[in-house]
Amino acid sequence: MIKGAKSGGIRSRGMVRKRDGRDVAVGPLFWTWLLVCLPLACLFGKLINDIPVYTARVVAAGLDWSGERGTITVTQSRRVYEGGGRGGGHQSTHCFGDFTPVGGGVPLTDVRVHLQDGCKAGRTAQARLMRAEPDNWVTGTDRHHAYAGGGWGTALLVTIFMGAFLLLAGALPFVCTVLFPLQILMGLYDRVTARTRGRSAGGTSP
């Protein structure tokens, strides 16, 4: 009998036999992790940050829990064009004002104001500021928003439903992004261990 013969047949160089007898396809696992799991996990992570995390901050600002403190002075109410692209656009009436940060600082003009009551020029209120986030993929805007008790109801619904949906949809990419590297490391460890045992057995055989 030829010593060192493999009873399990010839395996690919990318396959590693685990201690329980199963083969770990290290190569395919790595490429699946790199080309599928990791990009999808990054995509869902970005979407989660840009939608439910952003709207959760809007809710916190509307409830006076988060955001830069200051005073908003309403200047006008005007119609603006929103939307565009394939979905079309529409005209909406919004409230605007000037925001003065607490403790001084540079005032911000033409800030979108979310008030609990009506929009009346000259009205002042304590507000929380959320600065513009033009890099946000979904809710990106080049305009600052000030929240004075209003404007957070819709954001709360978006936070709940979109947060739950994206977490469920992104669960598999998130899991495989973490699990596959562990399986690859275990497979490589088993490969090194098998080679070390083979050399030891070869060195001690008569």
Protein backbone atom coordinates (compact mmCIF):
# COMPACT_ATOMS: atom_id res chain seq x y z
CA MET A 1 0.00 0.00 0.00
CA ILE A 2 1.31 3.45 -0.88
CA LYS A 3 1.78 5.53 2.24
CA GLY A 4 0.01 8.90 2.37
CA ALA A 5 -2.71 7.92 -0.09
CA LYS A 6 -5.95 9.91 0.26
CA SER A 7 -8.89 7.71 1.06
CA GLY A 8 -11.36 10.51 0.36
CA GLY A 9 -10.42 10.89 -3.30
CA ILE A 10 -8.76 13.83 -5.02
CA ARG A 11 -9.97 17.23 -3.78
CA SER A 12 -9.50 20.62 -5.33
CA ARG A 13 -6.68 22.75 -3.95
CA GLY A 14 -9.34 25.21 -2.82
CA MET A 15 -11.02 22.55 -0.68
CA VAL A 16 -10.07 21.85 2.92
CA ARG A 17 -11.27 18.80 4.84
CA LYS A 18 -12.56 19.82 8.29
CA ARG A 19 -12.25 17.66 11.36
CA ASP A 20 -15.86 16.54 11.02
CA GLY A 21 -15.16 15.21 7.52
CA ARG A 22 -16.83 18.01 5.54
CA ASP A 23 -14.99 19.97 2.86
CA VAL A 24 -14.69 23.77 3.11
CA ALA A 25 -14.46 25.50 -0.27
CA VAL A 26 -12.10 28.27 0.80
CA GLY A 27 -11.68 29.77 -2.67
CA PRO A 28 -15.39 30.01 -3.59
CA LEU A 29 -16.20 31.25 -0.09
CA PHE A 30 -13.65 34.04 -0.40
CA TRP A 31 -14.86 35.22 -3.81
CA THR A 32 -18.51 35.03 -2.73
CA TRP A 33 -17.65 37.12 0.34
CA LEU A 34 -15.64 39.66 -1.68
CA LEU A 35 -17.94 40.04 -4.70
CA VAL A 36 -21.40 39.44 -3.19
CA CYS A 37 -21.62 39.63 0.60
CA LEU A 38 -19.36 42.62 1.21
CA PRO A 39 -20.81 44.91 -1.51
CA LEU A 40 -24.40 44.08 -0.48
CA ALA A 41 -23.61 44.65 3.20
CA CYS A 42 -22.06 48.04 2.35
CA LEU A 43 -25.09 48.95 0.24
CA PHE A 44 -27.60 48.05 2.94
CA GLY A 45 -25.46 49.76 5.57
CA LYS A 46 -25.47 52.96 3.51
CA LEU A 47 -29.24 52.74 2.94
CA ILE A 48 -29.88 52.17 6.64
CA ASN A 49 -27.77 55.19 7.52
CA ASP A 50 -29.40 57.39 4.87
CA ILE A 51 -33.04 56.48 5.54
CA PRO A 52 -34.07 55.15 8.99
CA VAL A 53 -31.06 56.58 10.87
CA TYR A 54 -31.58 59.99 9.25
CA THR A 55 -35.32 60.02 9.91
CA ALA A 56 -34.71 58.89 13.50
CA ARG A 57 -32.57 61.99 13.93
CA VAL A 58 -35.43 64.04 12.48
CA VAL A 59 -37.78 62.56 15.08
CA ALA A 60 -35.29 63.33 17.85
CA ALA A 61 -34.94 66.91 16.63
CA GLY A 62 -38.71 67.36 16.44
CA LEU A 63 -39.04 66.12 20.02
CA ASP A 64 -36.23 68.42 21.19
CA TRP A 65 -33.93 65.51 21.99
CA SER A 66 -31.16 66.06 19.46
CA GLY A 67 -29.72 68.64 17.10
CA GLU A 68 -28.08 72.02 17.42
CA ARG A 69 -30.00 74.33 19.77
CA GLY A 70 -30.99 77.80 18.68
CA THR A 71 -33.75 80.25 17.89
CA ILE A 72 -35.65 80.36 14.64
CA THR A 73 -37.27 83.52 13.32
CA VAL A 74 -39.86 82.92 10.61
CA THR A 75 -39.37 85.13 7.58
CA GLN A 76 -41.78 83.84 4.95
CA SER A 77 -43.91 81.04 3.58
CA ARG A 78 -43.42 80.26 -0.09
CA ARG A 79 -44.07 77.63 -2.69
CA VAL A 80 -41.11 75.59 -3.87
CA TYR A 81 -40.65 72.88 -6.46
CA GLU A 82 -39.87 69.44 -5.09
CA GLY A 83 -39.06 66.13 -6.71
CA GLY A 84 -38.24 65.76 -10.36
CA GLY A 85 -36.66 62.98 -12.36
CA ARG A 86 -38.68 59.94 -13.35
CA GLY A 87 -41.08 60.38 -10.47
CA GLY A 88 -42.01 63.89 -11.52
CA GLY A 89 -42.21 66.92 -9.24
CA HIS A 90 -44.74 69.16 -7.57
CA GLN A 91 -45.15 72.53 -5.92
CA SER A 92 -45.38 72.64 -2.13
CA THR A 93 -45.70 75.46 0.36
CA HIS A 94 -43.09 75.52 3.11
CA CYS A 95 -42.05 77.78 5.94
CA PHE A 96 -38.62 79.45 6.00
CA GLY A 97 -36.69 81.47 8.52
CA ASP A 98 -33.36 82.48 10.01
CA PHE A 99 -31.65 80.30 12.62
CA THR A 100 -29.44 81.77 15.35
CA PRO A 101 -27.40 79.20 17.32
CA VAL A 102 -27.41 79.30 21.11
CA GLY A 103 -24.30 81.01 22.48
CA GLY A 104 -23.68 82.96 19.31
CA GLY A 105 -22.24 81.77 16.06
CA VAL A 106 -23.00 82.56 12.44
CA PRO A 107 -26.77 82.83 11.80
CA LEU A 108 -28.17 80.70 9.00
CA THR A 109 -30.65 82.24 6.58
CA ASP A 110 -33.40 80.69 4.48
CA VAL A 111 -33.66 77.61 6.69
CA ARG A 112 -36.60 75.27 6.18
CA VAL A 113 -38.74 75.53 9.33
CA HIS A 114 -40.97 72.80 10.75
CA LEU A 115 -43.38 74.37 13.22
CA GLN A 116 -46.12 72.82 15.31
CA ASP A 117 -48.48 75.73 14.58
CA GLY A 118 -48.92 78.12 11.66
CA CYS A 119 -46.14 79.83 9.74
CA LYS A 120 -46.34 83.56 10.50
CA ALA A 121 -43.60 85.99 9.53
CA GLY A 122 -41.82 87.44 12.56
CA ARG A 123 -42.64 84.53 14.85
CA THR A 124 -39.75 83.18 16.93
CA ALA A 125 -39.37 79.78 18.57
CA GLN A 126 -36.76 77.54 20.13
CA ALA A 127 -35.67 74.98 17.57
CA ARG A 128 -33.23 72.20 16.83
CA LEU A 129 -31.15 72.42 13.67
CA MET A 130 -30.23 69.59 11.30
CA ARG A 131 -27.61 70.75 8.87
CA ALA A 132 -27.68 69.94 5.18
CA GLU A 133 -26.49 66.49 4.10
CA PRO A 134 -25.95 66.63 0.33
CA ASP A 135 -24.11 63.28 0.36
CA ASN A 136 -27.19 61.43 1.60
CA TRP A 137 -28.24 59.11 -1.24
CA VAL A 138 -31.97 59.22 -0.55
CA THR A 139 -32.85 62.27 1.54
CA GLY A 140 -29.86 64.35 0.45
CA THR A 141 -30.49 68.08 0.55
CA ASP A 142 -28.42 71.22 0.36
CA ARG A 143 -30.80 73.03 2.72
CA HIS A 144 -30.71 73.21 6.52
CA HIS A 145 -33.82 72.21 8.48
CA ALA A 146 -34.95 73.60 11.83
CA TYR A 147 -37.47 71.69 13.93
CA ALA A 148 -39.66 73.46 16.47
CA GLY A 149 -42.02 70.68 17.59
CA GLY A 150 -43.31 69.70 14.16
CA GLY A 151 -42.37 67.73 11.08
CA TRP A 152 -41.50 64.44 12.76
CA GLY A 153 -44.68 62.36 12.36
CA THR A 154 -43.94 61.07 8.85
CA ALA A 155 -40.30 60.61 9.78
CA LEU A 156 -41.33 58.31 12.64
CA LEU A 157 -43.28 56.04 10.27
CA VAL A 158 -40.37 55.94 7.83
CA THR A 159 -37.99 55.06 10.67
CA ILE A 160 -40.13 52.15 11.83
CA PHE A 161 -41.11 50.59 8.52
CA MET A 162 -38.00 51.28 6.44
CA GLY A 163 -35.76 50.38 9.36
CA ALA A 164 -37.47 47.02 9.80
CA PHE A 165 -37.51 46.33 6.05
CA LEU A 166 -33.83 47.17 5.48
CA LEU A 167 -32.71 45.21 8.53
CA LEU A 168 -34.61 42.12 7.34
CA ALA A 169 -33.49 42.50 3.72
CA GLY A 170 -29.89 43.11 4.72
CA ALA A 171 -29.71 40.39 7.37
CA LEU A 172 -28.29 37.73 5.02
CA PRO A 173 -25.51 39.95 3.58
CA PHE A 174 -24.60 41.14 7.08
CA VAL A 175 -24.44 37.57 8.40
CA CYS A 176 -22.39 36.18 5.51
CA THR A 177 -20.03 39.18 5.70
CA VAL A 178 -19.17 38.15 9.25
CA LEU A 179 -19.57 34.36 8.97
CA PHE A 180 -17.69 33.66 5.73
CA PRO A 181 -14.35 35.11 6.92
CA LEU A 182 -14.61 32.96 10.05
CA GLN A 183 -15.23 29.86 7.93
CA ILE A 184 -12.32 30.80 5.64
CA LEU A 185 -9.98 31.24 8.61
CA MET A 186 -11.12 27.93 10.08
CA GLY A 187 -10.55 26.24 6.72
CA LEU A 188 -7.06 27.70 6.39
CA TYR A 189 -6.28 26.68 9.96
CA ASP A 190 -7.39 23.12 9.21
CA ARG A 191 -5.25 23.13 6.06
CA VAL A 192 -2.14 24.18 8.00
CA THR A 193 -2.92 21.66 10.75
CA ALA A 194 -3.37 18.84 8.21
CA ARG A 195 -0.05 19.65 6.53
CA THR A 196 1.73 19.81 9.87
CA ARG A 197 0.31 16.43 10.87
CA GLY A 198 1.24 14.97 7.50
CA ARG A 199 4.84 16.10 7.83
CA SER A 200 5.00 14.77 11.39
CA ALA A 201 3.60 11.44 10.28
CA GLY A 202 6.04 11.29 7.36
CA GLY A 203 8.97 12.08 9.60
CA THR A 204 8.15 9.44 12.17
CA SER A 205 7.15 6.63 9.80
CA PRO A 206 9.69 3.77 9.51
